[in-house]
C-alpha atoms as a PDB file:
ATOM      1  CA  MET A   1       0.090  27.901  28.431  1.00  0.00           C
ATOM      2  CA  ARG A   2      -1.780  25.500  26.144  1.00  0.00           C
ATOM      3  CA  THR A   3      -1.486  21.933  27.436  1.00  0.00           C
ATOM      4  CA  ALA A   4      -1.602  18.658  25.500  1.00  0.00           C
ATOM      5  CA  ASN A   5      -3.555  16.771  28.145  1.00  0.00           C
ATOM      6  CA  HIS A   6      -5.527  14.211  26.100  1.00  0.00           C
ATOM      7  CA  TRP A   7      -2.835  11.533  25.843  1.00  0.00           C
ATOM      8  CA  LYS A   8      -3.584   8.118  27.332  1.00  0.00           C
ATOM      9  CA  GLN A   9      -0.509   6.201  26.144  1.00  0.00           C
ATOM     10  CA  TYR A  10       2.083   8.929  26.776  1.00  0.00           C
ATOM     11  CA  GLN A  11       3.056  10.551  30.090  1.00  0.00           C
ATOM     12  CA  ILE A  12       5.828  12.626  31.567  1.00  0.00           C
ATOM     13  CA  LEU A  13       6.207  10.835  34.878  1.00  0.00           C
ATOM     14  CA  ASP A  14       8.731  13.178  36.504  1.00  0.00           C
ATOM     15  CA  THR A  15      11.404  15.814  35.790  1.00  0.00           C
ATOM     16  CA  SER A  16      14.621  16.719  37.615  1.00  0.00           C
ATOM     17  CA  GLU A  17      18.262  17.673  37.081  1.00  0.00           C
ATOM     18  CA  LEU A  18      18.162  18.322  33.332  1.00  0.00           C
ATOM     19  CA  GLU A  19      16.204  15.131  32.586  1.00  0.00           C
ATOM     20  CA  LYS A  20      12.626  13.991  32.010  1.00  0.00           C
ATOM     21  CA  LEU A  21      11.224  10.539  32.750  1.00  0.00           C
ATOM     22  CA  GLU A  22       8.601   9.508  30.189  1.00  0.00           C
ATOM     23  CA  SER A  23       6.324   6.572  29.457  1.00  0.00           C
ATOM     24  CA  TRP A  24       5.803   5.820  25.762  1.00  0.00           C
ATOM     25  CA  ASN A  25       2.973   3.276  25.775  1.00  0.00           C
ATOM     26  CA  GLY A  26       4.567   1.424  28.676  1.00  0.00           C
ATOM     27  CA  VAL A  27       8.220   1.895  27.667  1.00  0.00           C
ATOM     28  CA  THR A  28       9.968   4.216  30.143  1.00  0.00           C
ATOM     29  CA  LEU A  29      12.707   6.465  28.764  1.00  0.00           C
ATOM     30  CA  VAL A  30      14.918   9.097  30.392  1.00  0.00           C
ATOM     31  CA  ARG A  31      15.930  11.916  28.062  1.00  0.00           C
ATOM     32  CA  PRO A  32      17.837  15.183  28.566  1.00  0.00           C
ATOM     33  CA  ASP A  33      16.052  18.530  28.669  1.00  0.00           C
ATOM     34  CA  PRO A  34      18.275  21.573  29.344  1.00  0.00           C
ATOM     35  CA  GLN A  35      15.440  23.710  30.710  1.00  0.00           C
ATOM     36  CA  ILE A  36      14.848  21.339  33.654  1.00  0.00           C
ATOM     37  CA  ILE A  37      17.110  23.265  36.010  1.00  0.00           C
ATOM     38  CA  TRP A  38      15.379  22.199  39.243  1.00  0.00           C
ATOM     39  CA  LYS A  39      16.926  19.526  41.450  1.00  0.00           C
ATOM     40  CA  THR A  40      13.826  18.036  43.013  1.00  0.00           C
ATOM     41  CA  PRO A  41      14.057  14.530  44.529  1.00  0.00           C
ATOM     42  CA  LYS A  42      13.681  11.732  41.988  1.00  0.00           C
ATOM     43  CA  GLN A  43      10.945   9.991  43.939  1.00  0.00           C
ATOM     44  CA  HIS A  44       9.117   8.262  41.090  1.00  0.00           C
ATOM     45  CA  PRO A  45      10.116   4.570  41.170  1.00  0.00           C
ATOM     46  CA  ALA A  46      10.524   4.414  37.383  1.00  0.00           C
ATOM     47  CA  TRP A  47      13.708   6.516  37.648  1.00  0.00           C
ATOM     48  CA  ARG A  48      15.469   3.440  39.066  1.00  0.00           C
ATOM     49  CA  LYS A  49      14.146   0.978  36.487  1.00  0.00           C
ATOM     50  CA  SER A  50      13.741   2.894  33.244  1.00  0.00           C
ATOM     51  CA  ASP A  51      13.989   0.890  30.035  1.00  0.00           C
ATOM     52  CA  GLY A  52      16.245   3.364  28.238  1.00  0.00           C
ATOM     53  CA  HIS A  53      18.453   6.332  29.128  1.00  0.00           C
ATOM     54  CA  TYR A  54      19.918   8.837  26.677  1.00  0.00           C
ATOM     55  CA  SER A  55      23.082  10.514  27.964  1.00  0.00           C
ATOM     56  CA  ARG A  56      24.799  13.459  26.332  1.00  0.00           C
ATOM     57  CA  SER A  57      28.503  13.209  25.518  1.00  0.00           C
ATOM     58  CA  SER A  58      30.961  15.893  26.593  1.00  0.00           C
ATOM     59  CA  SER A  59      32.239  15.938  23.000  1.00  0.00           C
ATOM     60  CA  GLY A  60      28.760  16.471  21.537  1.00  0.00           C
ATOM     61  CA  GLY A  61      25.891  14.172  20.641  1.00  0.00           C
ATOM     62  CA  GLY A  62      25.128  11.293  22.961  1.00  0.00           C
ATOM     63  CA  SER A  63      23.989   7.686  23.134  1.00  0.00           C
ATOM     64  CA  TRP A  64      21.348   5.341  24.511  1.00  0.00           C
ATOM     65  CA  THR A  65      21.804   2.651  27.124  1.00  0.00           C
ATOM     66  CA  PHE A  66      19.010   0.119  27.579  1.00  0.00           C
ATOM     67  CA  ALA A  67      18.188  -1.910  30.687  1.00  0.00           C
ATOM     68  CA  ARG A  68      16.416  -4.545  28.597  1.00  0.00           C
ATOM     69  CA  LYS A  69      16.132  -5.466  24.955  1.00  0.00           C
ATOM     70  CA  LEU A  70      13.465  -3.285  23.408  1.00  0.00           C
ATOM     71  CA  PRO A  71      11.786  -3.833  20.069  1.00  0.00           C
ATOM     72  CA  THR A  72      13.339  -1.799  17.271  1.00  0.00           C
ATOM     73  CA  CYS A  73      10.126   0.221  17.209  1.00  0.00           C
ATOM     74  CA  TRP A  74       6.651   0.108  18.699  1.00  0.00           C
ATOM     75  CA  GLU A  75       3.310   1.873  18.270  1.00  0.00           C
ATOM     76  CA  MET A  76       1.528   4.536  20.276  1.00  0.00           C
ATOM     77  CA  GLU A  77      -1.966   5.925  19.746  1.00  0.00           C
ATOM     78  CA  TYR A  78      -3.364   9.398  20.102  1.00  0.00           C
ATOM     79  CA  GLU A  79      -6.858   8.145  20.742  1.00  0.00           C
ATOM     80  CA  SER A  80      -8.579  11.551  20.669  1.00  0.00           C
ATOM     81  CA  LEU A  81      -8.032  11.753  16.908  1.00  0.00           C
ATOM     82  CA  GLY A  82      -7.601   8.062  16.114  1.00  0.00           C
ATOM     83  CA  LEU A  83      -3.954   8.432  15.086  1.00  0.00           C
ATOM     84  CA  THR A  84      -1.215   5.810  15.484  1.00  0.00           C
ATOM     85  CA  PHE A  85       2.523   6.521  15.414  1.00  0.00           C
ATOM     86  CA  LYS A  86       5.696   4.482  15.123  1.00  0.00           C
ATOM     87  CA  ILE A  87       7.983   5.188  18.089  1.00  0.00           C
ATOM     88  CA  GLN A  88      11.706   4.516  17.728  1.00  0.00           C
ATOM     89  CA  PRO A  89      14.607   5.937  19.768  1.00  0.00           C
ATOM     90  CA  THR A  90      17.043   7.700  17.415  1.00  0.00           C
ATOM     91  CA  GLY A  91      20.673   8.703  17.749  1.00  0.00           C
ATOM     92  CA  PHE A  92      19.684  12.306  18.460  1.00  0.00           C
ATOM     93  CA  LYS A  93      17.642  11.524  21.625  1.00  0.00           C
ATOM     94  CA  HIS A  94      14.330  11.834  19.758  1.00  0.00           C
ATOM     95  CA  THR A  95      11.688   9.135  19.304  1.00  0.00           C
ATOM     96  CA  GLY A  96       9.958  10.305  16.130  1.00  0.00           C
ATOM     97  CA  LEU A  97       7.170  12.191  17.903  1.00  0.00           C
ATOM     98  CA  PHE A  98       6.706  15.450  19.817  1.00  0.00           C
ATOM     99  CA  PRO A  99       3.671  14.707  22.042  1.00  0.00           C
ATOM    100  CA  GLU A 100       3.173  18.361  23.039  1.00  0.00           C
ATOM    101  CA  GLN A 101       2.109  19.071  19.442  1.00  0.00           C
ATOM    102  CA  ALA A 102      -1.141  17.201  20.070  1.00  0.00           C
ATOM    103  CA  VAL A 103      -2.626  20.427  21.433  1.00  0.00           C
ATOM    104  CA  ASN A 104      -2.061  21.940  17.978  1.00  0.00           C
ATOM    105  CA  TRP A 105      -3.440  18.860  16.202  1.00  0.00           C
ATOM    106  CA  ASP A 106      -6.664  19.234  18.177  1.00  0.00           C
ATOM    107  CA  TRP A 107      -6.919  22.920  17.293  1.00  0.00           C
ATOM    108  CA  MET A 108      -6.216  22.392  13.584  1.00  0.00           C
ATOM    109  CA  THR A 109      -8.753  19.577  13.417  1.00  0.00           C
ATOM    110  CA  SER A 110     -11.449  21.856  14.821  1.00  0.00           C
ATOM    111  CA  GLN A 111     -10.604  24.681  12.399  1.00  0.00           C
ATOM    112  CA  ILE A 112     -10.697  22.413   9.346  1.00  0.00           C
ATOM    113  CA  GLN A 113     -13.892  20.621  10.342  1.00  0.00           C
ATOM    114  CA  ASN A 114     -15.683  23.898  11.063  1.00  0.00           C
ATOM    115  CA  ALA A 115     -14.466  25.756   7.955  1.00  0.00           C
ATOM    116  CA  GLY A 116     -17.513  24.747   5.916  1.00  0.00           C
ATOM    117  CA  ARG A 117     -15.422  24.385   2.746  1.00  0.00           C
ATOM    118  CA  PRO A 118     -12.574  22.258   1.365  1.00  0.00           C
ATOM    119  CA  ILE A 119      -9.239  23.181   2.933  1.00  0.00           C
ATOM    120  CA  SER A 120      -5.769  22.642   1.478  1.00  0.00           C
ATOM    121  CA  VAL A 121      -2.863  22.562   3.940  1.00  0.00           C
ATOM    122  CA  LEU A 122       0.870  23.017   3.396  1.00  0.00           C
ATOM    123  CA  ASN A 123       2.928  21.392   6.162  1.00  0.00           C
ATOM    124  CA  LEU A 124       6.575  22.507   6.049  1.00  0.00           C
ATOM    125  CA  PHE A 125       9.435  20.866   7.970  1.00  0.00           C
ATOM    126  CA  ALA A 126       6.777  18.232   8.481  1.00  0.00           C
ATOM    127  CA  TYR A 127       8.955  15.582  10.211  1.00  0.00           C
ATOM    128  CA  THR A 128       7.071  12.303  10.849  1.00  0.00           C
ATOM    129  CA  GLY A 129       3.693  13.767  10.016  1.00  0.00           C
ATOM    130  CA  GLY A 130       1.699  14.329  13.192  1.00  0.00           C
ATOM    131  CA  ALA A 131       0.110  17.537  11.879  1.00  0.00           C
ATOM    132  CA  THR A 132      -0.248  16.055   8.385  1.00  0.00           C
ATOM    133  CA  LEU A 133      -2.225  13.093   9.716  1.00  0.00           C
ATOM    134  CA  ALA A 134      -4.420  15.262  11.941  1.00  0.00           C
ATOM    135  CA  CYS A 135      -5.318  17.561   9.043  1.00  0.00           C
ATOM    136  CA  ALA A 136      -5.889  14.684   6.607  1.00  0.00           C
ATOM    137  CA  ALA A 137      -8.101  12.865   9.105  1.00  0.00           C
ATOM    138  CA  ALA A 138     -10.104  16.089   9.539  1.00  0.00           C
ATOM    139  CA  GLY A 139     -10.834  16.160   5.801  1.00  0.00           C
ATOM    140  CA  ALA A 140      -8.151  18.469   4.394  1.00  0.00           C
ATOM    141  CA  THR A 141      -5.915  17.839   1.406  1.00  0.00           C
ATOM    142  CA  VAL A 142      -2.307  18.096   2.597  1.00  0.00           C
ATOM    143  CA  CYS A 143       1.089  18.727   1.051  1.00  0.00           C
ATOM    144  CA  HIS A 144       3.744  17.287   3.408  1.00  0.00           C
ATOM    145  CA  VAL A 145       7.267  18.654   2.831  1.00  0.00           C
ATOM    146  CA  ASP A 146      10.517  17.700   4.544  1.00  0.00           C
ATOM    147  CA  ALA A 147      14.126  17.658   3.325  1.00  0.00           C
ATOM    148  CA  SER A 148      14.776  14.244   4.918  1.00  0.00           C
ATOM    149  CA  LYS A 149      13.748  11.254   2.825  1.00  0.00           C
ATOM    150  CA  GLY A 150      13.813   9.073   5.941  1.00  0.00           C
ATOM    151  CA  MET A 151      11.423  11.355   7.827  1.00  0.00           C
ATOM    152  CA  VAL A 152       8.981  11.476   4.920  1.00  0.00           C
ATOM    153  CA  GLN A 153       9.038   7.669   4.746  1.00  0.00           C
ATOM    154  CA  TRP A 154       8.407   7.505   8.500  1.00  0.00           C
ATOM    155  CA  ALA A 155       5.442   9.862   8.047  1.00  0.00           C
ATOM    156  CA  ARG A 156       4.035   7.612   5.335  1.00  0.00           C
ATOM    157  CA  GLU A 157       4.357   4.642   7.687  1.00  0.00           C
ATOM    158  CA  ASN A 158       2.425   6.595  10.316  1.00  0.00           C
ATOM    159  CA  ALA A 159      -0.287   7.311   7.741  1.00  0.00           C
ATOM    160  CA  GLY A 160      -0.545   3.583   7.094  1.00  0.00           C
ATOM    161  CA  LEU A 161      -0.740   2.779  10.801  1.00  0.00           C
ATOM    162  CA  SER A 162      -3.492   5.392  11.165  1.00  0.00           C
ATOM    163  CA  GLY A 163      -5.546   4.065   8.263  1.00  0.00           C
ATOM    164  CA  LEU A 164      -4.996   7.241   6.223  1.00  0.00           C
ATOM    165  CA  THR A 165      -3.128   5.840   3.220  1.00  0.00           C
ATOM    166  CA  GLU A 166      -5.921   6.739   0.811  1.00  0.00           C
ATOM    167  CA  LYS A 167      -6.260  10.332   2.021  1.00  0.00           C
ATOM    168  CA  PRO A 168      -5.211  13.117  -0.401  1.00  0.00           C
ATOM    169  CA  VAL A 169      -1.643  13.742   0.822  1.00  0.00           C
ATOM    170  CA  ARG A 170       1.315  14.728  -1.376  1.00  0.00           C
ATOM    171  CA  TRP A 171       4.576  13.454   0.134  1.00  0.00           C
ATOM    172  CA  ILE A 172       7.439  15.745  -0.922  1.00  0.00           C
ATOM    173  CA  VAL A 173      11.169  15.371  -0.170  1.00  0.00           C
ATOM    174  CA  ASP A 174      12.601  18.829  -0.803  1.00  0.00           C
ATOM    175  CA  ASP A 175      14.110  21.960   0.693  1.00  0.00           C
ATOM    176  CA  CYS A 176      11.102  23.805   2.114  1.00  0.00           C
ATOM    177  CA  GLU A 177      12.107  27.301   1.012  1.00  0.00           C
ATOM    178  CA  LYS A 178      12.892  26.225  -2.558  1.00  0.00           C
ATOM    179  CA  PHE A 179       9.677  24.207  -2.738  1.00  0.00           C
ATOM    180  CA  VAL A 180       7.538  27.190  -1.673  1.00  0.00           C
ATOM    181  CA  ALA A 181       9.246  29.437  -4.226  1.00  0.00           C
ATOM    182  CA  ARG A 182       8.418  26.922  -6.981  1.00  0.00           C
ATOM    183  CA  GLU A 183       4.808  26.588  -5.786  1.00  0.00           C
ATOM    184  CA  ILE A 184       4.425  30.371  -6.062  1.00  0.00           C
ATOM    185  CA  ARG A 185       5.763  30.301  -9.628  1.00  0.00           C
ATOM    186  CA  ARG A 186       3.391  27.441 -10.445  1.00  0.00           C
ATOM    187  CA  GLY A 187       0.454  29.428  -9.090  1.00  0.00           C
ATOM    188  CA  ARG A 188      -0.476  26.839  -6.481  1.00  0.00           C
ATOM    189  CA  ARG A 189      -2.170  28.176  -3.351  1.00  0.00           C
ATOM    190  CA  TYR A 190      -3.001  26.799   0.113  1.00  0.00           C
ATOM    191  CA  ASP A 191      -5.649  27.731   2.675  1.00  0.00           C
ATOM    192  CA  ALA A 192      -3.469  26.906   5.699  1.00  0.00           C
ATOM    193  CA  ILE A 193       0.232  26.678   6.444  1.00  0.00           C
ATOM    194  CA  ILE A 194       1.946  24.795   9.262  1.00  0.00           C
ATOM    195  CA  MET A 195       5.616  25.482   9.838  1.00  0.00           C
ATOM    196  CA  ASP A 196       7.988  23.820  12.319  1.00  0.00           C
ATOM    197  CA  PRO A 197      11.450  25.026  11.259  1.00  0.00           C
ATOM    198  CA  PRO A 198      14.666  23.922  12.997  1.00  0.00           C
ATOM    199  CA  SER A 199      16.604  26.248  15.241  1.00  0.00           C
ATOM    200  CA  TYR A 200      19.786  25.608  13.300  1.00  0.00           C
ATOM    201  CA  GLY A 201      20.804  23.622  10.266  1.00  0.00           C
ATOM    202  CA  ARG A 202      22.752  23.442   7.020  1.00  0.00           C
ATOM    203  CA  GLY A 203      21.387  23.155   3.517  1.00  0.00           C
ATOM    204  CA  PRO A 204      22.627  20.702   0.875  1.00  0.00           C
ATOM    205  CA  GLY A 205      25.105  23.306  -0.379  1.00  0.00           C
ATOM    206  CA  GLY A 206      26.410  24.083   3.092  1.00  0.00           C
ATOM    207  CA  GLU A 207      24.098  27.060   3.594  1.00  0.00           C
ATOM    208  CA  VAL A 208      23.694  27.943   7.267  1.00  0.00           C
ATOM    209  CA  TRP A 209      20.149  28.254   8.639  1.00  0.00           C
ATOM    210  CA  LYS A 210      19.563  30.165  11.876  1.00  0.00           C
ATOM    211  CA  LEU A 211      15.947  30.540  12.856  1.00  0.00           C
ATOM    212  CA  GLU A 212      16.236  34.042  14.298  1.00  0.00           C
ATOM    213  CA  GLU A 213      17.983  35.319  11.169  1.00  0.00           C
ATOM    214  CA  ASN A 214      15.939  33.525   8.507  1.00  0.00           C
ATOM    215  CA  ILE A 215      12.420  33.073   9.836  1.00  0.00           C
ATOM    216  CA  PHE A 216      11.022  36.486   8.818  1.00  0.00           C
ATOM    217  CA  ASP A 217      12.041  36.027   5.190  1.00  0.00           C
ATOM    218  CA  LEU A 218      10.594  32.511   5.143  1.00  0.00           C
ATOM    219  CA  VAL A 219       7.245  33.592   6.607  1.00  0.00           C
ATOM    220  CA  GLN A 220       7.125  36.446   4.110  1.00  0.00           C
ATOM    221  CA  LEU A 221       7.806  34.014   1.271  1.00  0.00           C
ATOM    222  CA  CYS A 222       5.121  31.619   2.510  1.00  0.00           C
ATOM    223  CA  ALA A 223       2.558  34.415   2.625  1.00  0.00           C
ATOM    224  CA  GLY A 224       2.821  34.397  -1.164  1.00  0.00           C
ATOM    225  CA  VAL A 225       1.495  30.847  -1.384  1.00  0.00           C
ATOM    226  CA  LEU A 226      -1.627  31.505   0.707  1.00  0.00           C
ATOM    227  CA  SER A 227      -5.028  31.551  -0.973  1.00  0.00           C
ATOM    228  CA  ASP A 228      -7.162  34.699  -1.159  1.00  0.00           C
ATOM    229  CA  ASP A 229      -9.221  33.440   1.788  1.00  0.00           C
ATOM    230  CA  PRO A 230      -6.743  31.666   4.100  1.00  0.00           C
ATOM    231  CA  LEU A 231      -7.831  29.848   7.231  1.00  0.00           C
ATOM    232  CA  PHE A 232      -4.724  29.851   9.440  1.00  0.00           C
ATOM    233  CA  PHE A 233      -0.927  30.041   9.611  1.00  0.00           C
ATOM    234  CA  LEU A 234       0.645  28.128  12.497  1.00  0.00           C
ATOM    235  CA  LEU A 235       4.318  28.614  13.426  1.00  0.00           C
ATOM    236  CA  ASN A 236       6.111  26.366  15.929  1.00  0.00           C
ATOM    237  CA  SER A 237       9.460  26.997  17.589  1.00  0.00           C
ATOM    238  CA  TYR A 238      11.728  25.183  20.030  1.00  0.00           C
ATOM    239  CA  THR A 239      14.328  27.960  19.978  1.00  0.00           C
ATOM    240  CA  THR A 240      14.785  29.172  23.555  1.00  0.00           C
ATOM    241  CA  GLY A 241      15.592  32.763  22.600  1.00  0.00           C
ATOM    242  CA  LEU A 242      12.508  33.216  20.428  1.00  0.00           C
ATOM    243  CA  SER A 243       9.574  34.083  22.690  1.00  0.00           C
ATOM    244  CA  PRO A 244       5.934  33.406  21.769  1.00  0.00           C
ATOM    245  CA  ALA A 245       5.280  37.156  21.706  1.00  0.00           C
ATOM    246  CA  VAL A 246       8.073  37.725  19.193  1.00  0.00           C
ATOM    247  CA  MET A 247       6.743  34.931  16.985  1.00  0.00           C
ATOM    248  CA  GLY A 248       3.248  36.383  17.202  1.00  0.00           C
ATOM    249  CA  TYR A 249       4.455  39.862  16.305  1.00  0.00           C
ATOM    250  CA  LEU A 250       6.338  38.429  13.327  1.00  0.00           C
ATOM    251  CA  LEU A 251       3.254  36.624  11.981  1.00  0.00           C
ATOM    252  CA  GLY A 252       1.088  39.674  12.531  1.00  0.00           C
ATOM    253  CA  SER A 253       3.504  42.025  10.789  1.00  0.00           C
ATOM    254  CA  VAL A 254       3.522  39.848   7.662  1.00  0.00           C
ATOM    255  CA  LEU A 255      -0.077  38.631   7.484  1.00  0.00           C
ATOM    256  CA  LYS A 256      -2.379  41.229   9.064  1.00  0.00           C
ATOM    257  CA  PRO A 257      -1.711  44.021   6.527  1.00  0.00           C
ATOM    258  CA  LYS A 258      -2.801  41.709   3.697  1.00  0.00           C
ATOM    259  CA  PHE A 259      -5.415  39.466   5.309  1.00  0.00           C
ATOM    260  CA  GLY A 260      -6.509  41.150   8.556  1.00  0.00           C
ATOM    261  CA  GLY A 261      -7.301  38.499  11.144  1.00  0.00           C
ATOM    262  CA  ASP A 262      -5.940  37.888  14.626  1.00  0.00           C
ATOM    263  CA  VAL A 263      -2.738  36.508  16.117  1.00  0.00           C
ATOM    264  CA  THR A 264      -2.321  34.497  19.308  1.00  0.00           C
ATOM    265  CA  ALA A 265       0.910  33.127  20.734  1.00  0.00           C
ATOM    266  CA  ASP A 266       1.693  30.976  23.737  1.00  0.00           C
ATOM    267  CA  GLU A 267       3.885  28.263  25.147  1.00  0.00           C
ATOM    268  CA  ILE A 268       2.716  24.687  24.745  1.00  0.00           C
ATOM    269  CA  GLY A 269       3.356  22.029  27.353  1.00  0.00           C
ATOM    270  CA  LEU A 270       2.733  18.596  28.832  1.00  0.00           C
ATOM    271  CA  PRO A 271       1.455  17.648  32.301  1.00  0.00           C
ATOM    272  CA  VAL A 272       3.908  16.023  34.719  1.00  0.00           C
ATOM    273  CA  GLU A 273       2.456  13.233  36.835  1.00  0.00           C
ATOM    274  CA  GLN A 274       4.718  13.550  39.881  1.00  0.00           C
ATOM    275  CA  SER A 275       4.427  17.311  40.391  1.00  0.00           C
ATOM    276  CA  GLY A 276       0.970  17.975  38.962  1.00  0.00           C
ATOM    277  CA  MET A 277       2.462  20.910  37.050  1.00  0.00           C
ATOM    278  CA  VAL A 278       3.001  21.521  33.319  1.00  0.00           C
ATOM    279  CA  LEU A 279       6.390  21.331  31.617  1.00  0.00           C
ATOM    280  CA  PRO A 280       6.878  23.979  28.883  1.00  0.00           C
ATOM    281  CA  CYS A 281       7.834  22.245  25.629  1.00  0.00           C
ATOM    282  CA  GLY A 282       8.053  24.958  22.988  1.00  0.00           C
ATOM    283  CA  SER A 283       5.988  27.798  21.576  1.00  0.00           C
ATOM    284  CA  THR A 284       3.300  28.261  18.953  1.00  0.00           C
ATOM    285  CA  ALA A 285       2.094  31.428  17.236  1.00  0.00           C
ATOM    286  CA  ILE A 286      -1.120  31.305  15.214  1.00  0.00           C
ATOM    287  CA  TRP A 287      -2.601  33.730  12.727  1.00  0.00           C
ATOM    288  CA  GLN A 288      -6.220  33.033  11.831  1.00  0.00           C
ATOM    289  CA  LYS A 289      -8.956  34.697   9.850  1.00  0.00           C
ATOM    290  CA  ARG A 290     -11.611  36.380  11.927  1.00  0.00           C
END
C-alpha cells in the first residue's frame, strides 16, 4: 500500500464501528466509512468531544451535528508541496478534499519535474483541484475538467489560496467524456492524464454511469487524446468491487499495445494515530513510459 504520510495539519486519529475520527487542522470530525468493520474500543479522547459528526439516515443521505459553532470554511495546508485548501463540510459527508490523494500528488510532482520537457496534463473529474494544483505548481500546464460548476469554482479558490492563480490552468465545466471527444476532434493532445471517475452517477440527460460498465470505454477514448510521447496515465477508484489489479490490467490492455511502458497498481491509504496502522482509502493504477 502507498501511504500519504506527509500531512502535518491532517490526521486520522482513530477508527471503529464504521466511523473514522479525523483532525482537519485542529477541527475534529467523525465521518462514516463502511469498510471500518472492526469494533475496537474508542479510546481516543477526541471521540467524546468531536466538533462535528456526520450520521447517515436510514432513508438515505445523512446530516451533520456540531458540538460548537464552526466557521463556514477554514484552510488547511499540504506543506510538502506548498498547497492550501478550503475545507468545508458538505451535505454528502465530504469536506472538499481527499487527503489520501497526497501520495499521488507527490508522485506526479516528481514525474513532471524530472521529465526534462514541458508537460501538459488533463485532469478529468477533477473535483476541487488537488491534483491540478500539484501539477501546476510542478510546472505543468493543466486542463481541469469537472461537470460541477461549484466544484470548479472551489478549485479556483484553492488555486488562489495556494498562490497559483497565474499558472497556466484551463478551468472547464463540462461532461468529461464529451469534452475528451471534442478535444480529439480539435487535435489537442496531452502528455499526462489524471482520472478520478465516480462509482455511480447520472448525466444531464439522465444517462446512468456505472464505473465497472463504462470505465474501459472511457480509458480507451482518453488514449486518443494522449500525445505521441506520453508521460503517465493515472486512474483513481473508490469503487469497492474494482480491485487495483483489475484497474492495472485495464490500463495496460489499452495503453501498452500503443505506447509500451509499465503499469503499477496498489491501494492508497492514510496512517491512523491510535493503532499505528494504515487505513485503506481507495486504489490507484498508473501507466507510465519506461
